[in-house]
Protein backbone atom coordinates (compact mmCIF):
# COMPACT_ATOMS: atom_id res chain seq x y z
CA MET A 1 0.00 0.00 0.00
CA HIS A 2 2.88 2.40 0.69
CA GLU A 3 3.99 2.02 -2.92
CA ASN A 4 0.60 3.35 -4.04
CA PHE A 5 1.07 6.42 -1.86
CA GLU A 6 4.48 6.99 -3.42
CA LEU A 7 3.03 6.58 -6.89
CA ILE A 8 0.32 9.18 -6.29
CA GLY A 9 2.67 11.54 -4.45
CA LEU A 10 1.15 11.25 -0.98
CA SER A 11 3.80 9.22 0.84
CA ASP A 12 4.68 12.21 3.03
CA ARG A 13 1.03 12.58 4.09
CA LEU A 14 0.38 9.02 5.35
CA LYS A 15 -0.32 10.13 8.91
CA ASP A 16 -2.59 13.05 7.98
CA LYS A 17 -6.35 12.74 8.13
CA VAL A 18 -8.07 12.72 4.76
CA GLU A 19 -10.13 15.74 5.86
CA LYS A 20 -6.92 17.78 5.58
CA TYR A 21 -6.32 16.71 1.97
CA SER A 22 -7.04 19.09 -0.91
CA GLY A 23 -9.48 18.10 -3.64
CA SER A 24 -6.71 16.96 -5.95
CA MET A 25 -5.08 14.95 -3.17
CA LYS A 26 -8.39 13.18 -2.59
CA ARG A 27 -8.57 12.37 -6.33
CA GLY A 28 -5.08 10.91 -6.12
CA LEU A 29 -6.12 8.92 -3.07
CA ASN A 30 -9.03 7.50 -5.07
CA ILE A 31 -6.53 6.24 -7.64
CA GLY A 32 -4.32 4.71 -4.95
CA VAL A 33 -7.23 2.92 -3.32
CA ALA A 34 -8.43 1.62 -6.69
CA LEU A 35 -4.97 0.12 -7.31
CA ILE A 36 -4.67 -1.76 -4.00
CA HIS A 37 -5.83 -5.04 -5.52
CA LYS A 38 -3.80 -4.60 -8.70
CA PRO A 39 -6.72 -4.69 -11.16
CA LYS A 40 -6.12 -5.63 -14.78
CA MET A 41 -8.37 -2.79 -15.88
CA LEU A 42 -9.40 0.41 -14.17
CA ILE A 43 -12.18 2.61 -15.52
CA MET A 44 -12.00 6.21 -14.34
CA ASP A 45 -14.81 8.65 -15.06
CA GLU A 46 -14.23 12.41 -14.84
CA LEU A 47 -10.92 11.89 -13.12
CA THR A 48 -9.88 15.54 -13.22
CA ALA A 49 -13.24 17.31 -12.92
CA GLY A 50 -13.16 20.35 -10.67
CA ILE A 51 -9.42 20.56 -9.97
CA ASP A 52 -6.79 23.09 -10.93
CA PRO A 53 -4.65 22.65 -14.09
CA GLN A 54 -1.43 21.87 -12.20
CA SER A 55 -3.08 19.10 -10.18
CA ARG A 56 -4.78 17.84 -13.33
CA ASN A 57 -1.41 17.48 -15.05
CA HIS A 58 0.03 15.66 -12.02
CA ILE A 59 -2.87 13.19 -11.96
CA LEU A 60 -2.65 12.53 -15.70
CA GLU A 61 1.13 11.97 -15.44
CA THR A 62 0.50 9.54 -12.58
CA VAL A 63 -1.98 7.63 -14.74
CA LYS A 64 0.59 7.45 -17.56
CA ASN A 65 3.19 6.09 -15.12
CA ILE A 66 0.76 3.48 -13.85
CA LYS A 67 0.07 2.37 -17.40
CA GLN A 68 3.77 1.70 -17.98
């Protein structure tokens, strides 16, 4: 599970409560949770809706890295 937090860029926030996370951090957390069981396919709908452009780019880069 720690590897998922590293992948989504939240490894330094493991001890923080989710209530303290920003919207984009919560989106990243959703990705990390979805990957816990190492699915063969993951369908993500409106992954970057309602977040700022910088966070959007980070999330999309994370998805590209997961794909590789």
